[in-house]
């Protein structure tokens, strides 16, 4: 899992450093607004991916029942996550009304920055040309659950801090942990609950994901460190019904995620000799992403083997495939 995430993040966060750029000090608020527009779709997509894969049935495990499940959460990036309009940002302007975000593709706009805040662009820089579109984000995950009684199940996901190397100039580390709970609701209304032929539970979970990368430019002495921290929270009402070996489930809930992006060196955006240097320190806290979501899916039970497929409808839709072991 860490290799897949590492390769992906390096591909999109490995911002190029050039020896010749427009060495301009950008106002901190201007830099934050501009870089958030460019980088934030990656945080939002990871937040959506991390909030999925927590359940494939509403029925909690019995006491000491457990499961271990591997899932692949594939996030679909909406159209407005692939481009942004520089004219919507204070002190920036461009002839065109959209330029690619870090996930988009195509030619970047020529953008003017108003250094003196007098309404006149003092310097122009060209955003980079991006060849590959990244409209599908894979977020693999390993989950475990255990029943603790009272029709309640605890859930966990954890990967310890692990270092890795990608090529001769890049290295990094990834760590992830999460905890959740699933609790049967019908047990509290026995007169009605015993008559309803289905399971209904409250499910909530929190995930913390951190990735750190060191990117060395062999043509300079610059060693760039980039850190991405995503905190994701979800709370849902989940219903399911088992017929023979098939369990259908549906949920409605609320997702929240926030992302911090920082770097120990300046970020240079744009084409060589025509870019703009956003100077350090860079510590961007992107706007919290809150949204309602609905989810439908199916689980196939083959003795202790489970296969699952579900889809979450939200601004950043997520399709989940999974396989696992489940007992009791």
C-alpha atoms as a PDB file:
ATOM      1  CA  UNK A   1       0.000   0.000   0.000  1.00  0.00           C
ATOM      2  CA  UNK A   2       2.710   2.521   0.963  1.00  0.00           C
ATOM      3  CA  UNK A   3       4.501   1.976  -2.388  1.00  0.00           C
ATOM      4  CA  UNK A   4       1.337   2.677  -4.384  1.00  0.00           C
ATOM      5  CA  UNK A   5       0.495   5.812  -2.395  1.00  0.00           C
ATOM      6  CA  UNK A   6       4.123   6.933  -2.464  1.00  0.00           C
ATOM      7  CA  UNK A   7       4.434   6.665  -6.231  1.00  0.00           C
ATOM      8  CA  UNK A   8       1.171   8.506  -6.738  1.00  0.00           C
ATOM      9  CA  UNK A   9       1.895  11.335  -4.331  1.00  0.00           C
ATOM     10  CA  UNK A  10       5.402  11.811  -5.662  1.00  0.00           C
ATOM     11  CA  UNK A  11       4.020  12.105  -9.189  1.00  0.00           C
ATOM     12  CA  UNK A  12       1.670  14.925  -8.250  1.00  0.00           C
ATOM     13  CA  UNK A  13       3.491  16.699  -5.418  1.00  0.00           C
ATOM     14  CA  UNK A  14       6.976  16.608  -6.940  1.00  0.00           C
ATOM     15  CA  UNK A  15       6.893  20.254  -7.952  1.00  0.00           C
ATOM     16  CA  UNK A  16       9.811  21.134 -10.203  1.00  0.00           C
ATOM     17  CA  UNK A  17      12.469  23.605  -9.098  1.00  0.00           C
ATOM     18  CA  UNK A  18      14.066  25.822 -11.719  1.00  0.00           C
ATOM     19  CA  UNK A  19      17.300  27.757 -11.564  1.00  0.00           C
ATOM     20  CA  UNK A  20      15.714  30.825 -13.168  1.00  0.00           C
ATOM     21  CA  UNK A  21      12.300  32.063 -12.030  1.00  0.00           C
ATOM     22  CA  UNK A  22      10.684  35.378 -11.223  1.00  0.00           C
ATOM     23  CA  UNK A  23      12.122  35.871  -7.733  1.00  0.00           C
ATOM     24  CA  UNK A  24       9.226  37.856  -6.301  1.00  0.00           C
ATOM     25  CA  UNK A  25       8.018  37.967  -2.727  1.00  0.00           C
ATOM     26  CA  UNK A  26       4.311  37.151  -2.862  1.00  0.00           C
ATOM     27  CA  UNK A  27       2.096  38.432  -0.082  1.00  0.00           C
ATOM     28  CA  UNK A  28       1.417  35.586   2.366  1.00  0.00           C
ATOM     29  CA  UNK A  29      -2.371  35.788   1.997  1.00  0.00           C
ATOM     30  CA  UNK A  30      -2.091  35.927  -1.804  1.00  0.00           C
ATOM     31  CA  UNK A  31       0.276  32.959  -1.871  1.00  0.00           C
ATOM     32  CA  UNK A  32      -1.989  30.914   0.413  1.00  0.00           C
ATOM     33  CA  UNK A  33      -5.084  31.619  -1.693  1.00  0.00           C
ATOM     34  CA  UNK A  34      -3.334  30.831  -4.971  1.00  0.00           C
ATOM     35  CA  UNK A  35      -1.596  27.653  -3.810  1.00  0.00           C
ATOM     36  CA  UNK A  36      -4.760  26.399  -2.101  1.00  0.00           C
ATOM     37  CA  UNK A  37      -6.626  26.720  -5.407  1.00  0.00           C
ATOM     38  CA  UNK A  38      -3.851  24.757  -7.111  1.00  0.00           C
ATOM     39  CA  UNK A  39      -3.158  22.045  -4.501  1.00  0.00           C
ATOM     40  CA  UNK A  40      -6.407  21.584  -2.528  1.00  0.00           C
ATOM     41  CA  UNK A  41      -8.075  19.007  -4.854  1.00  0.00           C
ATOM     42  CA  UNK A  42      -5.475  16.426  -3.794  1.00  0.00           C
ATOM     43  CA  UNK A  43      -6.351  16.955  -0.126  1.00  0.00           C
ATOM     44  CA  UNK A  44     -10.078  16.787  -0.832  1.00  0.00           C
ATOM     45  CA  UNK A  45      -9.712  13.591  -2.855  1.00  0.00           C
ATOM     46  CA  UNK A  46      -7.649  11.869  -0.177  1.00  0.00           C
ATOM     47  CA  UNK A  47     -10.132  13.020   2.455  1.00  0.00           C
ATOM     48  CA  UNK A  48     -12.970  11.409   0.493  1.00  0.00           C
ATOM     49  CA  UNK A  49     -10.995   8.199   0.014  1.00  0.00           C
ATOM     50  CA  UNK A  50     -10.030   7.950   3.683  1.00  0.00           C
ATOM     51  CA  UNK A  51     -13.666   8.286   4.759  1.00  0.00           C
ATOM     52  CA  UNK A  52     -14.635   5.145   2.838  1.00  0.00           C
ATOM     53  CA  UNK A  53     -14.049   1.424   3.265  1.00  0.00           C
ATOM     54  CA  UNK A  54     -15.184   1.387   6.899  1.00  0.00           C
ATOM     55  CA  UNK A  55     -18.206  -0.899   6.491  1.00  0.00           C
ATOM     56  CA  UNK A  56     -19.913  -3.371   4.153  1.00  0.00           C
ATOM     57  CA  UNK A  57     -22.830  -4.299   6.419  1.00  0.00           C
ATOM     58  CA  UNK A  58     -24.834  -2.603   9.149  1.00  0.00           C
ATOM     59  CA  UNK A  59     -24.731  -5.659  11.406  1.00  0.00           C
ATOM     60  CA  UNK A  60     -21.969  -5.472  14.066  1.00  0.00           C
ATOM     61  CA  UNK A  61     -19.880  -8.532  14.912  1.00  0.00           C
ATOM     62  CA  UNK A  62     -20.883 -10.726  17.827  1.00  0.00           C
ATOM     63  CA  UNK A  63     -18.571 -10.776  20.854  1.00  0.00           C
ATOM     64  CA  UNK A  64     -15.018 -11.527  19.634  1.00  0.00           C
ATOM     65  CA  UNK A  65     -16.206 -11.867  16.072  1.00  0.00           C
ATOM     66  CA  UNK A  66     -13.779 -10.138  13.742  1.00  0.00           C
ATOM     67  CA  UNK A  67     -12.865  -9.274  10.183  1.00  0.00           C
ATOM     68  CA  UNK A  68      -9.818  -8.170   8.236  1.00  0.00           C
ATOM     69  CA  UNK A  69     -10.558  -6.438   4.930  1.00  0.00           C
ATOM     70  CA  UNK A  70      -8.432  -4.943   2.162  1.00  0.00           C
ATOM     71  CA  UNK A  71     -10.154  -2.265   0.120  1.00  0.00           C
ATOM     72  CA  UNK A  72      -9.318  -0.053  -2.831  1.00  0.00           C
ATOM     73  CA  UNK A  73     -11.189   3.244  -2.685  1.00  0.00           C
ATOM     74  CA  UNK A  74     -11.089   4.962  -6.081  1.00  0.00           C
ATOM     75  CA  UNK A  75     -11.998   8.643  -5.951  1.00  0.00           C
ATOM     76  CA  UNK A  76     -13.412  10.344  -9.052  1.00  0.00           C
ATOM     77  CA  UNK A  77     -12.308  13.965  -9.315  1.00  0.00           C
ATOM     78  CA  UNK A  78     -15.123  16.338 -10.346  1.00  0.00           C
ATOM     79  CA  UNK A  79     -14.618  18.750 -13.214  1.00  0.00           C
ATOM     80  CA  UNK A  80     -14.207  21.737 -10.914  1.00  0.00           C
ATOM     81  CA  UNK A  81     -11.353  19.908  -9.166  1.00  0.00           C
ATOM     82  CA  UNK A  82      -9.321  19.797 -12.379  1.00  0.00           C
ATOM     83  CA  UNK A  83      -9.194  23.543 -13.074  1.00  0.00           C
ATOM     84  CA  UNK A  84      -9.483  26.835 -11.222  1.00  0.00           C
ATOM     85  CA  UNK A  85     -10.117  30.428 -12.291  1.00  0.00           C
ATOM     86  CA  UNK A  86      -7.248  32.796 -11.351  1.00  0.00           C
ATOM     87  CA  UNK A  87      -9.601  35.763 -11.832  1.00  0.00           C
ATOM     88  CA  UNK A  88     -11.538  34.645  -8.750  1.00  0.00           C
ATOM     89  CA  UNK A  89      -8.461  35.337  -6.606  1.00  0.00           C
ATOM     90  CA  UNK A  90      -7.596  38.776  -5.281  1.00  0.00           C
ATOM     91  CA  UNK A  91      -4.547  40.383  -6.943  1.00  0.00           C
ATOM     92  CA  UNK A  92      -4.311  37.695  -9.661  1.00  0.00           C
ATOM     93  CA  UNK A  93      -5.728  37.872 -13.179  1.00  0.00           C
ATOM     94  CA  UNK A  94      -5.518  36.020 -16.482  1.00  0.00           C
ATOM     95  CA  UNK A  95      -6.952  36.241 -19.979  1.00  0.00           C
ATOM     96  CA  UNK A  96      -8.449  32.758 -19.700  1.00  0.00           C
ATOM     97  CA  UNK A  97     -10.914  31.741 -17.020  1.00  0.00           C
ATOM     98  CA  UNK A  98      -9.356  28.414 -16.069  1.00  0.00           C
ATOM     99  CA  UNK A  99      -5.971  26.789 -15.609  1.00  0.00           C
ATOM    100  CA  UNK A 100      -5.190  23.228 -14.481  1.00  0.00           C
ATOM    101  CA  UNK A 101      -4.980  22.387 -10.799  1.00  0.00           C
ATOM    102  CA  UNK A 102      -2.333  19.897  -9.710  1.00  0.00           C
ATOM    103  CA  UNK A 103      -4.674  17.126 -10.931  1.00  0.00           C
ATOM    104  CA  UNK A 104      -5.695  18.682 -14.254  1.00  0.00           C
ATOM    105  CA  UNK A 105      -4.058  18.695 -17.662  1.00  0.00           C
ATOM    106  CA  UNK A 106      -3.472  21.082 -20.540  1.00  0.00           C
ATOM    107  CA  UNK A 107      -1.652  24.358 -21.016  1.00  0.00           C
ATOM    108  CA  UNK A 108      -1.464  26.632 -18.007  1.00  0.00           C
ATOM    109  CA  UNK A 109      -2.645  30.233 -18.290  1.00  0.00           C
ATOM    110  CA  UNK A 110      -0.388  33.264 -18.318  1.00  0.00           C
ATOM    111  CA  UNK A 111      -1.226  34.928 -15.017  1.00  0.00           C
ATOM    112  CA  UNK A 112      -0.549  38.484 -13.869  1.00  0.00           C
ATOM    113  CA  UNK A 113       0.199  39.265 -10.231  1.00  0.00           C
ATOM    114  CA  UNK A 114      -0.512  42.731  -8.823  1.00  0.00           C
ATOM    115  CA  UNK A 115       2.360  43.356  -6.403  1.00  0.00           C
ATOM    116  CA  UNK A 116       1.379  46.943  -5.579  1.00  0.00           C
ATOM    117  CA  UNK A 117      -2.371  46.265  -5.194  1.00  0.00           C
ATOM    118  CA  UNK A 118      -3.192  49.104  -7.577  1.00  0.00           C
ATOM    119  CA  UNK A 119      -5.238  47.001  -9.988  1.00  0.00           C
ATOM    120  CA  UNK A 120      -2.401  46.687 -12.511  1.00  0.00           C
ATOM    121  CA  UNK A 121      -0.547  43.409 -13.028  1.00  0.00           C
ATOM    122  CA  UNK A 122       3.127  44.047 -12.243  1.00  0.00           C
ATOM    123  CA  UNK A 123       4.540  40.678 -13.234  1.00  0.00           C
ATOM    124  CA  UNK A 124       3.392  37.799 -15.403  1.00  0.00           C
ATOM    125  CA  UNK A 125       4.146  34.119 -14.954  1.00  0.00           C
ATOM    126  CA  UNK A 126       3.136  31.051 -16.937  1.00  0.00           C
ATOM    127  CA  UNK A 127       1.558  28.097 -15.181  1.00  0.00           C
ATOM    128  CA  UNK A 128       3.082  24.733 -16.165  1.00  0.00           C
ATOM    129  CA  UNK A 129       1.827  22.591 -19.007  1.00  0.00           C
ATOM    130  CA  UNK A 130       0.491  19.348 -17.532  1.00  0.00           C
ATOM    131  CA  UNK A 131       0.312  16.343 -19.830  1.00  0.00           C
ATOM    132  CA  UNK A 132      -1.490  13.740 -17.736  1.00  0.00           C
ATOM    133  CA  UNK A 133      -4.933  14.167 -16.223  1.00  0.00           C
ATOM    134  CA  UNK A 134      -5.353  12.569 -12.804  1.00  0.00           C
ATOM    135  CA  UNK A 135      -9.118  12.258 -12.477  1.00  0.00           C
ATOM    136  CA  UNK A 136      -9.060   8.924 -10.613  1.00  0.00           C
ATOM    137  CA  UNK A 137      -7.252   8.729  -7.268  1.00  0.00           C
ATOM    138  CA  UNK A 138      -6.589   5.245  -5.764  1.00  0.00           C
ATOM    139  CA  UNK A 139      -6.620   5.075  -1.958  1.00  0.00           C
ATOM    140  CA  UNK A 140      -5.890   1.488  -0.800  1.00  0.00           C
ATOM    141  CA  UNK A 141      -6.759   0.620   2.771  1.00  0.00           C
ATOM    142  CA  UNK A 142      -6.532  -2.210   5.328  1.00  0.00           C
ATOM    143  CA  UNK A 143      -9.260  -2.414   7.967  1.00  0.00           C
ATOM    144  CA  UNK A 144     -10.020  -4.633  10.956  1.00  0.00           C
ATOM    145  CA  UNK A 145     -13.072  -4.925  13.180  1.00  0.00           C
ATOM    146  CA  UNK A 146     -13.915  -6.776  16.391  1.00  0.00           C
ATOM    147  CA  UNK A 147     -17.161  -7.262  18.289  1.00  0.00           C
ATOM    148  CA  UNK A 148     -17.126  -6.141  21.935  1.00  0.00           C
ATOM    149  CA  UNK A 149     -20.688  -6.962  22.987  1.00  0.00           C
ATOM    150  CA  UNK A 150     -23.917  -4.950  23.263  1.00  0.00           C
ATOM    151  CA  UNK A 151     -24.154  -5.235  19.486  1.00  0.00           C
ATOM    152  CA  UNK A 152     -21.168  -2.924  19.171  1.00  0.00           C
ATOM    153  CA  UNK A 153     -18.110  -3.267  16.972  1.00  0.00           C
ATOM    154  CA  UNK A 154     -14.813  -1.409  17.079  1.00  0.00           C
ATOM    155  CA  UNK A 155     -12.909  -0.767  13.852  1.00  0.00           C
ATOM    156  CA  UNK A 156      -9.270   0.042  13.228  1.00  0.00           C
ATOM    157  CA  UNK A 157      -6.856   0.914  10.453  1.00  0.00           C
ATOM    158  CA  UNK A 158      -3.159   1.404  11.039  1.00  0.00           C
ATOM    159  CA  UNK A 159       0.118   1.593   9.153  1.00  0.00           C
ATOM    160  CA  UNK A 160       3.166   2.537  11.240  1.00  0.00           C
ATOM    161  CA  UNK A 161       5.544   5.216  10.044  1.00  0.00           C
ATOM    162  CA  UNK A 162       7.447   3.595   7.184  1.00  0.00           C
ATOM    163  CA  UNK A 163      10.294   4.992   5.111  1.00  0.00           C
ATOM    164  CA  UNK A 164      10.826   4.239   1.433  1.00  0.00           C
ATOM    165  CA  UNK A 165      12.912   5.347  -1.520  1.00  0.00           C
ATOM    166  CA  UNK A 166      11.660   6.095  -5.014  1.00  0.00           C
ATOM    167  CA  UNK A 167      14.569   6.420  -7.380  1.00  0.00           C
ATOM    168  CA  UNK A 168      17.884   8.052  -6.550  1.00  0.00           C
ATOM    169  CA  UNK A 169      16.568  11.543  -5.777  1.00  0.00           C
ATOM    170  CA  UNK A 170      13.369  10.974  -3.819  1.00  0.00           C
ATOM    171  CA  UNK A 171      12.476   9.389  -0.516  1.00  0.00           C
ATOM    172  CA  UNK A 172       9.638   9.649   1.928  1.00  0.00           C
ATOM    173  CA  UNK A 173       7.590   8.244   4.729  1.00  0.00           C
ATOM    174  CA  UNK A 174       3.915   7.437   5.189  1.00  0.00           C
ATOM    175  CA  UNK A 175       1.909   6.701   8.295  1.00  0.00           C
ATOM    176  CA  UNK A 176      -1.789   6.237   8.842  1.00  0.00           C
ATOM    177  CA  UNK A 177      -4.089   5.363  11.687  1.00  0.00           C
ATOM    178  CA  UNK A 178      -7.823   5.387  12.215  1.00  0.00           C
ATOM    179  CA  UNK A 179     -10.498   4.248  14.642  1.00  0.00           C
ATOM    180  CA  UNK A 180     -14.232   3.784  14.349  1.00  0.00           C
ATOM    181  CA  UNK A 181     -17.308   2.307  15.953  1.00  0.00           C
ATOM    182  CA  UNK A 182     -20.497   0.663  14.720  1.00  0.00           C
ATOM    183  CA  UNK A 183     -23.477   0.303  17.078  1.00  0.00           C
ATOM    184  CA  UNK A 184     -26.836  -1.374  16.496  1.00  0.00           C
ATOM    185  CA  UNK A 185     -29.750   1.038  16.906  1.00  0.00           C
ATOM    186  CA  UNK A 186     -32.732  -1.312  16.712  1.00  0.00           C
ATOM    187  CA  UNK A 187     -31.864  -2.945  20.051  1.00  0.00           C
ATOM    188  CA  UNK A 188     -33.028   0.207  21.793  1.00  0.00           C
ATOM    189  CA  UNK A 189     -36.554  -0.056  20.370  1.00  0.00           C
ATOM    190  CA  UNK A 190     -37.256  -3.794  20.910  1.00  0.00           C
ATOM    191  CA  UNK A 191     -40.987  -3.638  20.245  1.00  0.00           C
ATOM    192  CA  UNK A 192     -40.272  -2.266  16.782  1.00  0.00           C
ATOM    193  CA  UNK A 193     -36.734  -3.478  16.208  1.00  0.00           C
ATOM    194  CA  UNK A 194     -37.613  -7.153  16.585  1.00  0.00           C
ATOM    195  CA  UNK A 195     -40.198  -6.779  13.845  1.00  0.00           C
ATOM    196  CA  UNK A 196     -37.943  -5.121  11.289  1.00  0.00           C
ATOM    197  CA  UNK A 197     -36.147  -7.725   9.115  1.00  0.00           C
ATOM    198  CA  UNK A 198     -32.979  -5.727   8.665  1.00  0.00           C
ATOM    199  CA  UNK A 199     -30.003  -4.254  10.527  1.00  0.00           C
ATOM    200  CA  UNK A 200     -29.688  -0.554  11.295  1.00  0.00           C
ATOM    201  CA  UNK A 201     -26.578   0.953  12.898  1.00  0.00           C
ATOM    202  CA  UNK A 202     -24.822   4.176  13.694  1.00  0.00           C
ATOM    203  CA  UNK A 203     -21.269   4.225  12.338  1.00  0.00           C
ATOM    204  CA  UNK A 204     -18.565   6.833  12.946  1.00  0.00           C
ATOM    205  CA  UNK A 205     -14.815   6.903  12.262  1.00  0.00           C
ATOM    206  CA  UNK A 206     -11.731   9.111  12.130  1.00  0.00           C
ATOM    207  CA  UNK A 207      -8.591   8.683   9.982  1.00  0.00           C
ATOM    208  CA  UNK A 208      -5.289  10.551  10.132  1.00  0.00           C
ATOM    209  CA  UNK A 209      -2.937  10.279   7.142  1.00  0.00           C
ATOM    210  CA  UNK A 210       0.507  11.842   6.859  1.00  0.00           C
ATOM    211  CA  UNK A 211       2.965  11.712   3.968  1.00  0.00           C
ATOM    212  CA  UNK A 212       6.408  13.317   3.935  1.00  0.00           C
ATOM    213  CA  UNK A 213       8.671  13.492   0.885  1.00  0.00           C
ATOM    214  CA  UNK A 214      12.231  14.609   0.333  1.00  0.00           C
ATOM    215  CA  UNK A 215      12.834  15.609  -3.286  1.00  0.00           C
ATOM    216  CA  UNK A 216      16.363  16.437  -4.412  1.00  0.00           C
ATOM    217  CA  UNK A 217      17.143  18.378  -7.561  1.00  0.00           C
ATOM    218  CA  UNK A 218      20.426  16.958  -8.962  1.00  0.00           C
ATOM    219  CA  UNK A 219      21.075  20.193 -10.900  1.00  0.00           C
ATOM    220  CA  UNK A 220      21.033  22.365  -7.757  1.00  0.00           C
ATOM    221  CA  UNK A 221      21.722  22.061  -4.044  1.00  0.00           C
ATOM    222  CA  UNK A 222      18.028  22.351  -3.233  1.00  0.00           C
ATOM    223  CA  UNK A 223      16.535  19.604  -1.079  1.00  0.00           C
ATOM    224  CA  UNK A 224      12.807  20.077  -0.910  1.00  0.00           C
ATOM    225  CA  UNK A 225      10.694  18.539   1.839  1.00  0.00           C
ATOM    226  CA  UNK A 226       6.965  18.376   1.301  1.00  0.00           C
ATOM    227  CA  UNK A 227       4.470  17.294   3.948  1.00  0.00           C
ATOM    228  CA  UNK A 228       0.800  16.440   3.427  1.00  0.00           C
ATOM    229  CA  UNK A 229      -1.435  15.828   6.447  1.00  0.00           C
ATOM    230  CA  UNK A 230      -5.096  14.830   6.011  1.00  0.00           C
ATOM    231  CA  UNK A 231      -7.607  14.365   8.833  1.00  0.00           C
ATOM    232  CA  UNK A 232     -10.916  12.778   7.825  1.00  0.00           C
ATOM    233  CA  UNK A 233     -14.078  12.166   9.864  1.00  0.00           C
ATOM    234  CA  UNK A 234     -17.300  10.413   8.860  1.00  0.00           C
ATOM    235  CA  UNK A 235     -20.585   9.617  10.620  1.00  0.00           C
ATOM    236  CA  UNK A 236     -23.344   7.526   9.024  1.00  0.00           C
ATOM    237  CA  UNK A 237     -26.620   5.718   9.519  1.00  0.00           C
ATOM    238  CA  UNK A 238     -26.262   2.343   7.772  1.00  0.00           C
ATOM    239  CA  UNK A 239     -28.970  -0.206   6.917  1.00  0.00           C
ATOM    240  CA  UNK A 240     -28.436  -3.691   5.510  1.00  0.00           C
ATOM    241  CA  UNK A 241     -30.359  -6.840   4.668  1.00  0.00           C
ATOM    242  CA  UNK A 242     -28.910 -10.329   4.123  1.00  0.00           C
ATOM    243  CA  UNK A 243     -30.588 -12.768   1.734  1.00  0.00           C
ATOM    244  CA  UNK A 244     -28.830 -16.122   1.468  1.00  0.00           C
ATOM    245  CA  UNK A 245     -25.161 -15.254   0.865  1.00  0.00           C
ATOM    246  CA  UNK A 246     -25.707 -11.677  -0.349  1.00  0.00           C
ATOM    247  CA  UNK A 247     -25.886  -8.630   1.910  1.00  0.00           C
ATOM    248  CA  UNK A 248     -27.150  -5.374   0.435  1.00  0.00           C
ATOM    249  CA  UNK A 249     -26.460  -2.179   2.344  1.00  0.00           C
ATOM    250  CA  UNK A 250     -27.107   1.555   2.083  1.00  0.00           C
ATOM    251  CA  UNK A 251     -26.056   4.511   4.168  1.00  0.00           C
ATOM    252  CA  UNK A 252     -26.525   8.221   4.541  1.00  0.00           C
ATOM    253  CA  UNK A 253     -24.093  10.391   6.419  1.00  0.00           C
ATOM    254  CA  UNK A 254     -21.718  13.296   6.716  1.00  0.00           C
ATOM    255  CA  UNK A 255     -18.054  13.622   5.769  1.00  0.00           C
ATOM    256  CA  UNK A 256     -15.530  16.161   6.971  1.00  0.00           C
ATOM    257  CA  UNK A 257     -11.846  16.506   6.099  1.00  0.00           C
ATOM    258  CA  UNK A 258      -9.128  19.097   6.468  1.00  0.00           C
ATOM    259  CA  UNK A 259      -5.683  19.216   4.914  1.00  0.00           C
ATOM    260  CA  UNK A 260      -2.394  20.859   5.837  1.00  0.00           C
ATOM    261  CA  UNK A 261       0.298  21.233   3.172  1.00  0.00           C
ATOM    262  CA  UNK A 262       3.736  22.567   3.967  1.00  0.00           C
ATOM    263  CA  UNK A 263       7.227  22.689   2.494  1.00  0.00           C
ATOM    264  CA  UNK A 264      10.620  23.674   3.871  1.00  0.00           C
ATOM    265  CA  UNK A 265      11.613  25.427   0.642  1.00  0.00           C
ATOM    266  CA  UNK A 266       9.964  27.739  -1.834  1.00  0.00           C
ATOM    267  CA  UNK A 267       7.493  26.364  -4.339  1.00  0.00           C
ATOM    268  CA  UNK A 268       8.165  27.410  -7.926  1.00  0.00           C
ATOM    269  CA  UNK A 269       5.181  27.184 -10.233  1.00  0.00           C
ATOM    270  CA  UNK A 270       5.341  27.724 -13.951  1.00  0.00           C
ATOM    271  CA  UNK A 271       7.430  27.176 -17.026  1.00  0.00           C
ATOM    272  CA  UNK A 272      11.206  27.589 -16.872  1.00  0.00           C
ATOM    273  CA  UNK A 273      12.260  31.262 -16.776  1.00  0.00           C
ATOM    274  CA  UNK A 274       8.570  32.245 -16.656  1.00  0.00           C
ATOM    275  CA  UNK A 275       7.513  30.859 -13.300  1.00  0.00           C
ATOM    276  CA  UNK A 276       6.805  32.538  -9.996  1.00  0.00           C
ATOM    277  CA  UNK A 277       8.584  31.773  -6.743  1.00  0.00           C
ATOM    278  CA  UNK A 278       6.320  31.390  -3.688  1.00  0.00           C
ATOM    279  CA  UNK A 279       8.813  31.888  -0.894  1.00  0.00           C
ATOM    280  CA  UNK A 280       9.054  30.019   2.413  1.00  0.00           C
ATOM    281  CA  UNK A 281       7.657  29.482   4.929  1.00  0.00           C
ATOM    282  CA  UNK A 282       4.851  27.518   3.307  1.00  0.00           C
ATOM    283  CA  UNK A 283       2.298  26.203   5.769  1.00  0.00           C
ATOM    284  CA  UNK A 284      -1.105  26.009   4.127  1.00  0.00           C
ATOM    285  CA  UNK A 285      -4.208  24.923   5.983  1.00  0.00           C
ATOM    286  CA  UNK A 286      -6.825  24.280   3.332  1.00  0.00           C
ATOM    287  CA  UNK A 287     -10.470  25.084   3.969  1.00  0.00           C
ATOM    288  CA  UNK A 288     -12.324  22.253   5.724  1.00  0.00           C
ATOM    289  CA  UNK A 289     -14.353  20.144   3.306  1.00  0.00           C
ATOM    290  CA  UNK A 290     -17.793  19.225   4.707  1.00  0.00           C
ATOM    291  CA  UNK A 291     -20.465  17.374   2.765  1.00  0.00           C
ATOM    292  CA  UNK A 292     -23.374  14.978   3.027  1.00  0.00           C
ATOM    293  CA  UNK A 293     -23.085  11.617   1.312  1.00  0.00           C
ATOM    294  CA  UNK A 294     -25.100   8.554   0.413  1.00  0.00           C
ATOM    295  CA  UNK A 295     -23.739   5.071  -0.099  1.00  0.00           C
ATOM    296  CA  UNK A 296     -25.037   1.820  -1.599  1.00  0.00           C
ATOM    297  CA  UNK A 297     -23.315  -1.514  -1.926  1.00  0.00           C
ATOM    298  CA  UNK A 298     -23.354  -5.274  -1.824  1.00  0.00           C
ATOM    299  CA  UNK A 299     -21.313  -7.889   0.020  1.00  0.00           C
ATOM    300  CA  UNK A 300     -20.992 -11.520  -1.111  1.00  0.00           C
ATOM    301  CA  UNK A 301     -20.321 -14.016   1.689  1.00  0.00           C
ATOM    302  CA  UNK A 302     -18.390 -17.157   0.696  1.00  0.00           C
ATOM    303  CA  UNK A 303     -18.074 -19.006   4.029  1.00  0.00           C
ATOM    304  CA  UNK A 304     -15.508 -16.784   5.803  1.00  0.00           C
ATOM    305  CA  UNK A 305     -14.444 -14.942   2.638  1.00  0.00           C
ATOM    306  CA  UNK A 306     -16.219 -11.691   1.814  1.00  0.00           C
ATOM    307  CA  UNK A 307     -16.223  -9.709  -1.420  1.00  0.00           C
ATOM    308  CA  UNK A 308     -17.632  -6.196  -1.521  1.00  0.00           C
ATOM    309  CA  UNK A 309     -18.537  -3.481  -3.975  1.00  0.00           C
ATOM    310  CA  UNK A 310     -20.040  -0.151  -3.016  1.00  0.00           C
ATOM    311  CA  UNK A 311     -20.310   3.384  -4.300  1.00  0.00           C
ATOM    312  CA  UNK A 312     -20.504   6.681  -2.422  1.00  0.00           C
ATOM    313  CA  UNK A 313     -22.373   9.585  -3.989  1.00  0.00           C
ATOM    314  CA  UNK A 314     -20.790  12.911  -3.005  1.00  0.00           C
ATOM    315  CA  UNK A 315     -18.940  15.843  -4.547  1.00  0.00           C
ATOM    316  CA  UNK A 316     -15.905  13.545  -4.762  1.00  0.00           C
ATOM    317  CA  UNK A 317     -17.569  10.168  -5.558  1.00  0.00           C
ATOM    318  CA  UNK A 318     -15.809   7.012  -4.362  1.00  0.00           C
ATOM    319  CA  UNK A 319     -16.088   3.441  -5.655  1.00  0.00           C
ATOM    320  CA  UNK A 320     -14.844   0.746  -3.264  1.00  0.00           C
ATOM    321  CA  UNK A 321     -13.756  -2.801  -4.059  1.00  0.00           C
ATOM    322  CA  UNK A 322     -12.756  -5.094  -1.213  1.00  0.00           C
ATOM    323  CA  UNK A 323     -11.916  -8.625  -0.131  1.00  0.00           C
ATOM    324  CA  UNK A 324     -11.595  -9.932   3.404  1.00  0.00           C
ATOM    325  CA  UNK A 325     -12.056 -12.563   6.067  1.00  0.00           C
ATOM    326  CA  UNK A 326     -15.018 -12.336   8.440  1.00  0.00           C
ATOM    327  CA  UNK A 327     -16.023 -14.564  11.372  1.00  0.00           C
ATOM    328  CA  UNK A 328     -19.117 -14.192  13.585  1.00  0.00           C
END
